[in-house]
PDB file of N, CA and C in Angstrom:
ATOM      1  N   MET A   1     116.357  68.121 104.125  1.00  0.00           N
ATOM      2  CA  MET A   1     117.362  67.566 103.267  1.00  0.00           C
ATOM      3  C   MET A   1     117.829  66.219 103.826  1.00  0.00           C
ATOM      4  N   SER A   2     118.037  65.264 103.005  1.00  0.00           N
ATOM      5  CA  SER A   2     118.422  63.936 103.485  1.00  0.00           C
ATOM      6  C   SER A   2     119.950  63.889 103.768  1.00  0.00           C
ATOM      7  N   ILE A   3     120.355  62.827 104.451  1.00  0.00           N
ATOM      8  CA  ILE A   3     121.757  62.671 104.782  1.00  0.00           C
ATOM      9  C   ILE A   3     122.624  62.515 103.528  1.00  0.00           C
ATOM     10  N   ILE A   4     122.080  61.924 102.489  1.00  0.00           N
ATOM     11  CA  ILE A   4     122.838  61.767 101.238  1.00  0.00           C
ATOM     12  C   ILE A   4     123.097  63.170 100.630  1.00  0.00           C
ATOM     13  N   ALA A   5     122.123  64.012 100.681  1.00  0.00           N
ATOM     14  CA  ALA A   5     122.325  65.367 100.126  1.00  0.00           C
ATOM     15  C   ALA A   5     123.345  66.140 100.957  1.00  0.00           C
ATOM     16  N   TRP A   6     123.378  65.931 102.299  1.00  0.00           N
ATOM     17  CA  TRP A   6     124.378  66.601 103.106  1.00  0.00           C
ATOM     18  C   TRP A   6     125.781  66.064 102.822  1.00  0.00           C
ATOM     19  N   ILE A   7     125.887  64.789 102.497  1.00  0.00           N
ATOM     20  CA  ILE A   7     127.186  64.207 102.143  1.00  0.00           C
ATOM     21  C   ILE A   7     127.693  64.793 100.806  1.00  0.00           C
ATOM     22  N   VAL A   8     126.809  64.864  99.809  1.00  0.00           N
ATOM     23  CA  VAL A   8     127.172  65.462  98.540  1.00  0.00           C
ATOM     24  C   VAL A   8     127.529  66.936  98.713  1.00  0.00           C
ATOM     25  N   LEU A   9     126.732  67.618  99.518  1.00  0.00           N
ATOM     26  CA  LEU A   9     127.029  69.023  99.789  1.00  0.00           C
ATOM     27  C   LEU A   9     128.359  69.174 100.549  1.00  0.00           C
ATOM     28  N   GLY A  10     128.645  68.237 101.436  1.00  0.00           N
ATOM     29  CA  GLY A  10     129.910  68.292 102.174  1.00  0.00           C
ATOM     30  C   GLY A  10     131.115  68.080 101.295  1.00  0.00           C
ATOM     31  N   LEU A  11     130.999  67.298 100.260  1.00  0.00           N
ATOM     32  CA  LEU A  11     132.105  67.115  99.299  1.00  0.00           C
ATOM     33  C   LEU A  11     132.452  68.443  98.658  1.00  0.00           C
ATOM     34  N   GLY A  12     131.453  69.126  98.153  1.00  0.00           N
ATOM     35  CA  GLY A  12     131.694  70.421  97.535  1.00  0.00           C
ATOM     36  C   GLY A  12     132.098  71.497  98.510  1.00  0.00           C
ATOM     37  N   ALA A  13     131.512  71.473  99.688  1.00  0.00           N
ATOM     38  CA  ALA A  13     131.849  72.462 100.714  1.00  0.00           C
ATOM     39  C   ALA A  13     133.259  72.289 101.212  1.00  0.00           C
ATOM     40  N   GLY A  14     133.720  71.040 101.319  1.00  0.00           N
ATOM     41  CA  GLY A  14     135.101  70.808 101.737  1.00  0.00           C
ATOM     42  C   GLY A  14     136.120  71.308 100.711  1.00  0.00           C
ATOM     43  N   LEU A  15     135.814  71.100  99.459  1.00  0.00           N
ATOM     44  CA  LEU A  15     136.720  71.591  98.415  1.00  0.00           C
ATOM     45  C   LEU A  15     136.715  73.095  98.350  1.00  0.00           C
ATOM     46  N   LEU A  16     135.531  73.732  98.495  1.00  0.00           N
ATOM     47  CA  LEU A  16     135.484  75.181  98.488  1.00  0.00           C
ATOM     48  C   LEU A  16     136.155  75.766  99.709  1.00  0.00           C
ATOM     49  N   ALA A  17     135.956  75.194 100.873  1.00  0.00           N
ATOM     50  CA  ALA A  17     136.594  75.656 102.103  1.00  0.00           C
ATOM     51  C   ALA A  17     138.111  75.508 102.001  1.00  0.00           C
ATOM     52  N   ASN A  18     138.564  74.431 101.375  1.00  0.00           N
ATOM     53  CA  ASN A  18     140.025  74.225 101.219  1.00  0.00           C
ATOM     54  C   ASN A  18     140.612  75.290 100.335  1.00  0.00           C
ATOM     55  N   MET A  19     139.883  75.754  99.336  1.00  0.00           N
ATOM     56  CA  MET A  19     140.387  76.826  98.475  1.00  0.00           C
ATOM     57  C   MET A  19     140.355  78.185  99.165  1.00  0.00           C
ATOM     58  N   LEU A  20     139.442  78.384 100.105  1.00  0.00           N
ATOM     59  CA  LEU A  20     139.324  79.648 100.811  1.00  0.00           C
ATOM     60  C   LEU A  20     140.365  79.808 101.898  1.00  0.00           C
ATOM     61  N   ILE A  21     140.879  78.723 102.470  1.00  0.00           N
ATOM     62  CA  ILE A  21     141.849  78.816 103.550  1.00  0.00           C
ATOM     63  C   ILE A  21     143.249  79.016 102.972  1.00  0.00           C
ATOM     64  N   PRO A  22     143.938  80.075 103.359  1.00  0.00           N
ATOM     65  CA  PRO A  22     145.275  80.302 102.809  1.00  0.00           C
ATOM     66  C   PRO A  22     146.312  79.397 103.485  1.00  0.00           C
ATOM     67  N   GLY A  23     147.421  79.271 102.794  1.00  0.00           N
ATOM     68  CA  GLY A  23     148.541  78.502 103.336  1.00  0.00           C
ATOM     69  C   GLY A  23     148.711  77.137 102.650  1.00  0.00           C
ATOM     70  N   ARG A  24     149.728  76.452 103.115  1.00  0.00           N
ATOM     71  CA  ARG A  24     150.025  75.133 102.562  1.00  0.00           C
ATOM     72  C   ARG A  24     149.037  74.106 103.021  1.00  0.00           C
ATOM     73  N   ARG A  25     148.690  73.198 102.194  1.00  0.00           N
ATOM     74  CA  ARG A  25     147.776  72.122 102.521  1.00  0.00           C
ATOM     75  C   ARG A  25     148.517  70.820 102.645  1.00  0.00           C
ATOM     76  N   SER A  26     148.428  70.204 103.785  1.00  0.00           N
ATOM     77  CA  SER A  26     149.181  68.985 103.989  1.00  0.00           C
ATOM     78  C   SER A  26     148.341  67.741 103.769  1.00  0.00           C
ATOM     79  N   GLN A  27     147.042  67.920 103.650  1.00  0.00           N
ATOM     80  CA  GLN A  27     146.145  66.746 103.505  1.00  0.00           C
ATOM     81  C   GLN A  27     145.862  66.549 102.041  1.00  0.00           C
ATOM     82  N   GLY A  28     145.397  65.379 101.730  1.00  0.00           N
ATOM     83  CA  GLY A  28     145.046  65.045 100.342  1.00  0.00           C
ATOM     84  C   GLY A  28     143.588  65.269 100.071  1.00  0.00           C
ATOM     85  N   LEU A  29     143.173  64.858  98.930  1.00  0.00           N
ATOM     86  CA  LEU A  29     141.798  65.068  98.460  1.00  0.00           C
ATOM     87  C   LEU A  29     140.790  64.290  99.303  1.00  0.00           C
ATOM     88  N   ILE A  30     141.132  63.049  99.658  1.00  0.00           N
ATOM     89  CA  ILE A  30     140.192  62.222 100.440  1.00  0.00           C
ATOM     90  C   ILE A  30     139.991  62.805 101.825  1.00  0.00           C
ATOM     91  N   ILE A  31     141.040  63.209 102.484  1.00  0.00           N
ATOM     92  CA  ILE A  31     140.928  63.823 103.828  1.00  0.00           C
ATOM     93  C   ILE A  31     140.113  65.118 103.726  1.00  0.00           C
ATOM     94  N   THR A  32     140.349  65.912 102.683  1.00  0.00           N
ATOM     95  CA  THR A  32     139.618  67.144 102.515  1.00  0.00           C
ATOM     96  C   THR A  32     138.102  66.857 102.361  1.00  0.00           C
ATOM     97  N   CYS A  33     137.771  65.855 101.565  1.00  0.00           N
ATOM     98  CA  CYS A  33     136.361  65.518 101.348  1.00  0.00           C
ATOM     99  C   CYS A  33     135.745  64.969 102.651  1.00  0.00           C
ATOM    100  N   VAL A  34     136.454  64.145 103.393  1.00  0.00           N
ATOM    101  CA  VAL A  34     135.925  63.586 104.660  1.00  0.00           C
ATOM    102  C   VAL A  34     135.701  64.698 105.640  1.00  0.00           C
ATOM    103  N   ILE A  35     136.653  65.623 105.758  1.00  0.00           N
ATOM    104  CA  ILE A  35     136.499  66.772 106.661  1.00  0.00           C
ATOM    105  C   ILE A  35     135.376  67.677 106.190  1.00  0.00           C
ATOM    106  N   GLY A  36     135.211  67.792 104.904  1.00  0.00           N
ATOM    107  CA  GLY A  36     134.096  68.613 104.341  1.00  0.00           C
ATOM    108  C   GLY A  36     132.758  68.010 104.658  1.00  0.00           C
ATOM    109  N   ILE A  37     132.638  66.689 104.556  1.00  0.00           N
ATOM    110  CA  ILE A  37     131.356  66.032 104.882  1.00  0.00           C
ATOM    111  C   ILE A  37     131.056  66.203 106.383  1.00  0.00           C
ATOM    112  N   ALA A  38     132.095  65.979 107.226  1.00  0.00           N
ATOM    113  CA  ALA A  38     131.881  66.131 108.661  1.00  0.00           C
ATOM    114  C   ALA A  38     131.558  67.574 109.003  1.00  0.00           C
ATOM    115  N   GLY A  39     132.217  68.493 108.338  1.00  0.00           N
ATOM    116  CA  GLY A  39     131.949  69.926 108.584  1.00  0.00           C
ATOM    117  C   GLY A  39     130.581  70.350 108.127  1.00  0.00           C
ATOM    118  N   ALA A  40     130.123  69.850 107.025  1.00  0.00           N
ATOM    119  CA  ALA A  40     128.774  70.151 106.552  1.00  0.00           C
ATOM    120  C   ALA A  40     127.722  69.614 107.496  1.00  0.00           C
ATOM    121  N   LEU A  41     127.882  68.396 107.959  1.00  0.00           N
ATOM    122  CA  LEU A  41     126.940  67.812 108.899  1.00  0.00           C
ATOM    123  C   LEU A  41     126.973  68.582 110.245  1.00  0.00           C
ATOM    124  N   LEU A  42     128.184  68.893 110.716  1.00  0.00           N
ATOM    125  CA  LEU A  42     128.328  69.635 111.954  1.00  0.00           C
ATOM    126  C   LEU A  42     127.817  71.049 111.828  1.00  0.00           C
ATOM    127  N   GLY A  43     128.106  71.720 110.709  1.00  0.00           N
ATOM    128  CA  GLY A  43     127.619  73.076 110.502  1.00  0.00           C
ATOM    129  C   GLY A  43     126.083  73.124 110.401  1.00  0.00           C
ATOM    130  N   GLY A  44     125.526  72.198 109.744  1.00  0.00           N
ATOM    131  CA  GLY A  44     124.047  72.136 109.642  1.00  0.00           C
ATOM    132  C   GLY A  44     123.407  71.856 110.983  1.00  0.00           C
ATOM    133  N   TRP A  45     123.987  70.954 111.760  1.00  0.00           N
ATOM    134  CA  TRP A  45     123.440  70.638 113.062  1.00  0.00           C
ATOM    135  C   TRP A  45     123.570  71.803 114.013  1.00  0.00           C
ATOM    136  N   LEU A  46     124.767  72.461 114.033  1.00  0.00           N
ATOM    137  CA  LEU A  46     124.972  73.604 114.936  1.00  0.00           C
ATOM    138  C   LEU A  46     124.111  74.764 114.567  1.00  0.00           C
ATOM    139  N   ALA A  47     123.935  75.000 113.290  1.00  0.00           N
ATOM    140  CA  ALA A  47     123.093  76.123 112.853  1.00  0.00           C
ATOM    141  C   ALA A  47     121.648  75.955 113.311  1.00  0.00           C
ATOM    142  N   THR A  48     121.139  74.745 113.268  1.00  0.00           N
ATOM    143  CA  THR A  48     119.759  74.509 113.716  1.00  0.00           C
ATOM    144  C   THR A  48     119.665  74.563 115.214  1.00  0.00           C
ATOM    145  N   LYS A  49     120.637  74.069 115.935  1.00  0.00           N
ATOM    146  CA  LYS A  49     120.578  73.995 117.422  1.00  0.00           C
ATOM    147  C   LYS A  49     120.883  75.362 118.071  1.00  0.00           C
ATOM    148  N   LEU A  50     121.931  76.026 117.609  1.00  0.00           N
ATOM    149  CA  LEU A  50     122.384  77.236 118.259  1.00  0.00           C
ATOM    150  C   LEU A  50     121.650  78.478 117.779  1.00  0.00           C
ATOM    151  N   PHE A  51     121.504  78.593 116.468  1.00  0.00           N
ATOM    152  CA  PHE A  51     120.962  79.843 115.890  1.00  0.00           C
ATOM    153  C   PHE A  51     119.545  79.678 115.344  1.00  0.00           C
ATOM    154  N   HIS A  52     118.996  78.536 115.434  1.00  0.00           N
ATOM    155  CA  HIS A  52     117.633  78.215 114.942  1.00  0.00           C
ATOM    156  C   HIS A  52     117.482  78.542 113.450  1.00  0.00           C
ATOM    157  N   VAL A  53     118.562  78.333 112.711  1.00  0.00           N
ATOM    158  CA  VAL A  53     118.532  78.524 111.240  1.00  0.00           C
ATOM    159  C   VAL A  53     118.087  77.215 110.644  1.00  0.00           C
ATOM    160  N   VAL A  54     117.058  77.289 109.825  1.00  0.00           N
ATOM    161  CA  VAL A  54     116.539  76.087 109.190  1.00  0.00           C
ATOM    162  C   VAL A  54     117.331  75.911 107.885  1.00  0.00           C
ATOM    163  N   THR A  55     118.188  74.890 107.842  1.00  0.00           N
ATOM    164  CA  THR A  55     119.017  74.650 106.655  1.00  0.00           C
ATOM    165  C   THR A  55     118.489  73.506 105.836  1.00  0.00           C
ATOM    166  N   ARG A  56     117.264  73.093 106.077  1.00  0.00           N
ATOM    167  CA  ARG A  56     116.730  71.903 105.375  1.00  0.00           C
ATOM    168  C   ARG A  56     115.791  72.297 104.232  1.00  0.00           C
ATOM    169  N   HIS A  57     115.862  73.555 103.793  1.00  0.00           N
ATOM    170  CA  HIS A  57     114.949  74.000 102.744  1.00  0.00           C
ATOM    171  C   HIS A  57     115.240  73.339 101.406  1.00  0.00           C
ATOM    172  N   GLY A  58     116.511  73.198 101.082  1.00  0.00           N
ATOM    173  CA  GLY A  58     116.825  72.615  99.804  1.00  0.00           C
ATOM    174  C   GLY A  58     118.315  72.621  99.536  1.00  0.00           C
ATOM    175  N   PHE A  59     118.707  71.922  98.542  1.00  0.00           N
ATOM    176  CA  PHE A  59     120.080  71.762  98.186  1.00  0.00           C
ATOM    177  C   PHE A  59     120.689  73.029  97.628  1.00  0.00           C
ATOM    178  N   VAL A  60     119.897  73.838  96.924  1.00  0.00           N
ATOM    179  CA  VAL A  60     120.433  75.050  96.293  1.00  0.00           C
ATOM    180  C   VAL A  60     120.161  76.296  97.111  1.00  0.00           C
ATOM    181  N   ASN A  61     119.747  76.146  98.354  1.00  0.00           N
ATOM    182  CA  ASN A  61     119.528  77.305  99.215  1.00  0.00           C
ATOM    183  C   ASN A  61     120.864  77.847  99.700  1.00  0.00           C
ATOM    184  N   LEU A  62     120.987  79.193  99.714  1.00  0.00           N
ATOM    185  CA  LEU A  62     122.252  79.838 100.070  1.00  0.00           C
ATOM    186  C   LEU A  62     122.638  79.560 101.536  1.00  0.00           C
ATOM    187  N   SER A  63     121.660  79.578 102.445  1.00  0.00           N
ATOM    188  CA  SER A  63     121.995  79.321 103.853  1.00  0.00           C
ATOM    189  C   SER A  63     122.533  77.908 104.080  1.00  0.00           C
ATOM    190  N   THR A  64     122.054  76.989 103.308  1.00  0.00           N
ATOM    191  CA  THR A  64     122.552  75.607 103.387  1.00  0.00           C
ATOM    192  C   THR A  64     123.990  75.559 102.988  1.00  0.00           C
ATOM    193  N   TRP A  65     124.337  76.176 101.906  1.00  0.00           N
ATOM    194  CA  TRP A  65     125.728  76.172 101.447  1.00  0.00           C
ATOM    195  C   TRP A  65     126.662  76.940 102.359  1.00  0.00           C
ATOM    196  N   LEU A  66     126.179  78.073 102.879  1.00  0.00           N
ATOM    197  CA  LEU A  66     127.010  78.862 103.779  1.00  0.00           C
ATOM    198  C   LEU A  66     127.332  78.115 105.069  1.00  0.00           C
ATOM    199  N   THR A  67     126.341  77.458 105.657  1.00  0.00           N
ATOM    200  CA  THR A  67     126.586  76.679 106.862  1.00  0.00           C
ATOM    201  C   THR A  67     127.490  75.494 106.607  1.00  0.00           C
ATOM    202  N   ALA A  68     127.328  74.863 105.478  1.00  0.00           N
ATOM    203  CA  ALA A  68     128.201  73.721 105.138  1.00  0.00           C
ATOM    204  C   ALA A  68     129.651  74.179 104.920  1.00  0.00           C
ATOM    205  N   ILE A  69     129.846  75.286 104.209  1.00  0.00           N
ATOM    206  CA  ILE A  69     131.211  75.782 103.951  1.00  0.00           C
ATOM    207  C   ILE A  69     131.824  76.281 105.260  1.00  0.00           C
ATOM    208  N   ALA A  70     131.028  76.948 106.082  1.00  0.00           N
ATOM    209  CA  ALA A  70     131.571  77.440 107.375  1.00  0.00           C
ATOM    210  C   ALA A  70     131.979  76.266 108.276  1.00  0.00           C
ATOM    211  N   GLY A  71     131.140  75.224 108.337  1.00  0.00           N
ATOM    212  CA  GLY A  71     131.490  74.066 109.132  1.00  0.00           C
ATOM    213  C   GLY A  71     132.726  73.368 108.620  1.00  0.00           C
ATOM    214  N   ALA A  72     132.824  73.225 107.302  1.00  0.00           N
ATOM    215  CA  ALA A  72     134.008  72.591 106.722  1.00  0.00           C
ATOM    216  C   ALA A  72     135.251  73.432 106.927  1.00  0.00           C
ATOM    217  N   ALA A  73     135.124  74.745 106.818  1.00  0.00           N
ATOM    218  CA  ALA A  73     136.293  75.630 107.036  1.00  0.00           C
ATOM    219  C   ALA A  73     136.790  75.554 108.471  1.00  0.00           C
ATOM    220  N   ILE A  74     135.873  75.500 109.440  1.00  0.00           N
ATOM    221  CA  ILE A  74     136.231  75.402 110.845  1.00  0.00           C
ATOM    222  C   ILE A  74     136.962  74.082 111.094  1.00  0.00           C
ATOM    223  N   LEU A  75     136.451  72.990 110.585  1.00  0.00           N
ATOM    224  CA  LEU A  75     137.112  71.731 110.781  1.00  0.00           C
ATOM    225  C   LEU A  75     138.451  71.627 110.045  1.00  0.00           C
ATOM    226  N   LEU A  76     138.545  72.229 108.897  1.00  0.00           N
ATOM    227  CA  LEU A  76     139.828  72.236 108.190  1.00  0.00           C
ATOM    228  C   LEU A  76     140.865  73.091 108.910  1.00  0.00           C
ATOM    229  N   LEU A  77     140.464  74.200 109.465  1.00  0.00           N
ATOM    230  CA  LEU A  77     141.384  75.011 110.288  1.00  0.00           C
ATOM    231  C   LEU A  77     141.836  74.258 111.506  1.00  0.00           C
ATOM    232  N   ALA A  78     140.918  73.555 112.176  1.00  0.00           N
ATOM    233  CA  ALA A  78     141.290  72.736 113.340  1.00  0.00           C
ATOM    234  C   ALA A  78     142.248  71.639 112.921  1.00  0.00           C
ATOM    235  N   TYR A  79     142.014  71.024 111.779  1.00  0.00           N
ATOM    236  CA  TYR A  79     142.909  69.963 111.285  1.00  0.00           C
ATOM    237  C   TYR A  79     144.276  70.508 111.011  1.00  0.00           C
ATOM    238  N   HIS A  80     144.378  71.716 110.388  1.00  0.00           N
ATOM    239  CA  HIS A  80     145.673  72.327 110.114  1.00  0.00           C
ATOM    240  C   HIS A  80     146.410  72.671 111.407  1.00  0.00           C
ATOM    241  N   LEU A  81     145.682  73.171 112.397  1.00  0.00           N
ATOM    242  CA  LEU A  81     146.324  73.473 113.677  1.00  0.00           C
ATOM    243  C   LEU A  81     146.877  72.248 114.369  1.00  0.00           C
ATOM    244  N   VAL A  82     146.135  71.142 114.332  1.00  0.00           N
ATOM    245  CA  VAL A  82     146.596  69.924 114.984  1.00  0.00           C
ATOM    246  C   VAL A  82     147.757  69.327 114.233  1.00  0.00           C
ATOM    247  N   THR A  83     147.677  69.272 112.936  1.00  0.00           N
ATOM    248  CA  THR A  83     148.738  68.636 112.180  1.00  0.00           C
ATOM    249  C   THR A  83     149.999  69.506 112.110  1.00  0.00           C
ATOM    250  N   SER A  84     149.833  70.810 112.147  1.00  0.00           N
ATOM    251  CA  SER A  84     151.061  71.658 112.103  1.00  0.00           C
ATOM    252  C   SER A  84     151.801  71.577 113.430  1.00  0.00           C
ATOM    253  N   ARG A  85     151.124  71.436 114.538  1.00  0.00           N
ATOM    254  CA  ARG A  85     151.795  71.290 115.820  1.00  0.00           C
ATOM    255  C   ARG A  85     152.521  69.942 115.937  1.00  0.00           C
ATOM    256  N   THR A  86     151.913  68.896 115.412  1.00  0.00           N
ATOM    257  CA  THR A  86     152.587  67.599 115.480  1.00  0.00           C
ATOM    258  C   THR A  86     153.800  67.585 114.534  1.00  0.00           C
ATOM    259  N   ALA A  87     153.712  68.299 113.425  1.00  0.00           N
ATOM    260  CA  ALA A  87     154.830  68.342 112.502  1.00  0.00           C
ATOM    261  C   ALA A  87     155.990  69.114 113.108  1.00  0.00           C
ATOM    262  N   VAL A  88     155.712  70.183 113.823  1.00  0.00           N
ATOM    263  CA  VAL A  88     156.770  70.958 114.500  1.00  0.00           C
ATOM    264  C   VAL A  88     157.420  70.135 115.576  1.00  0.00           C
ATOM    265  N   THR A  89     156.625  69.358 116.307  1.00  0.00           N
ATOM    266  CA  THR A  89     157.147  68.520 117.368  1.00  0.00           C
ATOM    267  C   THR A  89     158.059  67.428 116.767  1.00  0.00           C
ATOM    268  N   ARG A  90     157.651  66.872 115.655  1.00  0.00           N
ATOM    269  CA  ARG A  90     158.478  65.854 114.975  1.00  0.00           C
ATOM    270  C   ARG A  90     159.792  66.441 114.529  1.00  0.00           C
ATOM    271  N   ARG A  91     159.731  67.659 113.968  1.00  0.00           N
ATOM    272  CA  ARG A  91     160.956  68.292 113.474  1.00  0.00           C
ATOM    273  C   ARG A  91     161.902  68.576 114.618  1.00  0.00           C
ATOM    274  N   ARG A  92     161.379  69.031 115.726  1.00  0.00           N
ATOM    275  CA  ARG A  92     162.228  69.358 116.868  1.00  0.00           C
ATOM    276  C   ARG A  92     162.861  68.122 117.461  1.00  0.00           C
ATOM    277  N   SER A  93     162.106  67.034 117.535  1.00  0.00           N
ATOM    278  CA  SER A  93     162.654  65.813 118.143  1.00  0.00           C
ATOM    279  C   SER A  93     163.702  65.176 117.227  1.00  0.00           C
ATOM    280  N   SER A  94     163.690  65.441 115.956  1.00  0.00           N
ATOM    281  CA  SER A  94     164.710  64.870 115.051  1.00  0.00           C
ATOM    282  C   SER A  94     166.014  65.600 115.100  1.00  0.00           C
ATOM    283  N   HIS A  95     166.053  66.797 115.679  1.00  0.00           N
ATOM    284  CA  HIS A  95     167.273  67.597 115.788  1.00  0.00           C
ATOM    285  C   HIS A  95     167.789  67.686 117.216  1.00  0.00           C
ATOM    286  N   ASN A  96     167.567  66.633 118.007  1.00  0.00           N
ATOM    287  CA  ASN A  96     168.024  66.634 119.396  1.00  0.00           C
ATOM    288  C   ASN A  96     169.520  66.485 119.469  1.00  0.00           C
ATOM    289  N   GLY A  97     170.082  66.935 120.573  1.00  0.00           N
ATOM    290  CA  GLY A  97     171.483  66.813 120.800  1.00  0.00           C
ATOM    291  C   GLY A  97     172.248  68.033 120.365  1.00  0.00           C
ATOM    292  N   PRO A  98     173.489  68.185 120.873  1.00  0.00           N
ATOM    293  CA  PRO A  98     174.277  69.382 120.569  1.00  0.00           C
ATOM    294  C   PRO A  98     174.748  69.405 119.103  1.00  0.00           C
ATOM    295  N   ARG A  99     174.910  68.263 118.512  1.00  0.00           N
ATOM    296  CA  ARG A  99     175.357  68.246 117.131  1.00  0.00           C
ATOM    297  C   ARG A  99     174.271  67.663 116.240  1.00  0.00           C
ATOM    298  N   SER A 100     173.747  68.476 115.397  1.00  0.00           N
ATOM    299  CA  SER A 100     172.763  67.950 114.465  1.00  0.00           C
ATOM    300  C   SER A 100     173.419  67.751 113.119  1.00  0.00           C
ATOM    301  N   ARG A 101     172.690  67.195 112.193  1.00  0.00           N
ATOM    302  CA  ARG A 101     173.292  66.860 110.900  1.00  0.00           C
ATOM    303  C   ARG A 101     173.675  68.070 110.098  1.00  0.00           C
ATOM    304  N   ARG A 102     173.009  69.163 110.301  1.00  0.00           N
ATOM    305  CA  ARG A 102     173.364  70.345 109.509  1.00  0.00           C
ATOM    306  C   ARG A 102     174.703  70.948 109.890  1.00  0.00           C
ATOM    307  N   TRP A 103     175.260  70.603 111.058  1.00  0.00           N
ATOM    308  CA  TRP A 103     176.552  71.110 111.464  1.00  0.00           C
ATOM    309  C   TRP A 103     177.634  70.010 111.343  1.00  0.00           C
ATOM    310  N   ALA A 104     177.345  68.924 110.714  1.00  0.00           N
ATOM    311  CA  ALA A 104     178.281  67.803 110.666  1.00  0.00           C
ATOM    312  C   ALA A 104     179.497  68.111 109.805  1.00  0.00           C
ATOM    313  N   HIS A 105     179.440  69.053 108.906  1.00  0.00           N
ATOM    314  CA  HIS A 105     180.590  69.336 108.017  1.00  0.00           C
ATOM    315  C   HIS A 105     181.647  70.191 108.717  1.00  0.00           C
ATOM    316  N   ARG A 106     181.456  70.709 109.866  1.00  0.00           N
ATOM    317  CA  ARG A 106     182.445  71.529 110.558  1.00  0.00           C
ATOM    318  C   ARG A 106     183.377  70.722 111.375  1.00  0.00           C
TER     319      ARG A 106
END
């Protein structure tokens, strides 16, 4: 399969993986598609290197789609873990000090 087919497959795999992952989504459509493309390429590469799965048979092959969706899901989960930790850090740093805004009315 060519690199263009992996990119197109990654777009669909990213959207499918985004629907499969539960929880709130903080990223937009473009980030989801970029992560899906990277996940499809990474999933296809890892499947051939680690498990000797040949994912180059064709665009409509089930193993090709499963590796692309799995790669996209792994990268999306990693993205959610990284962004959720930075969001918590930002929230904590905004409430520094003994008096925060939520207690200002007392």
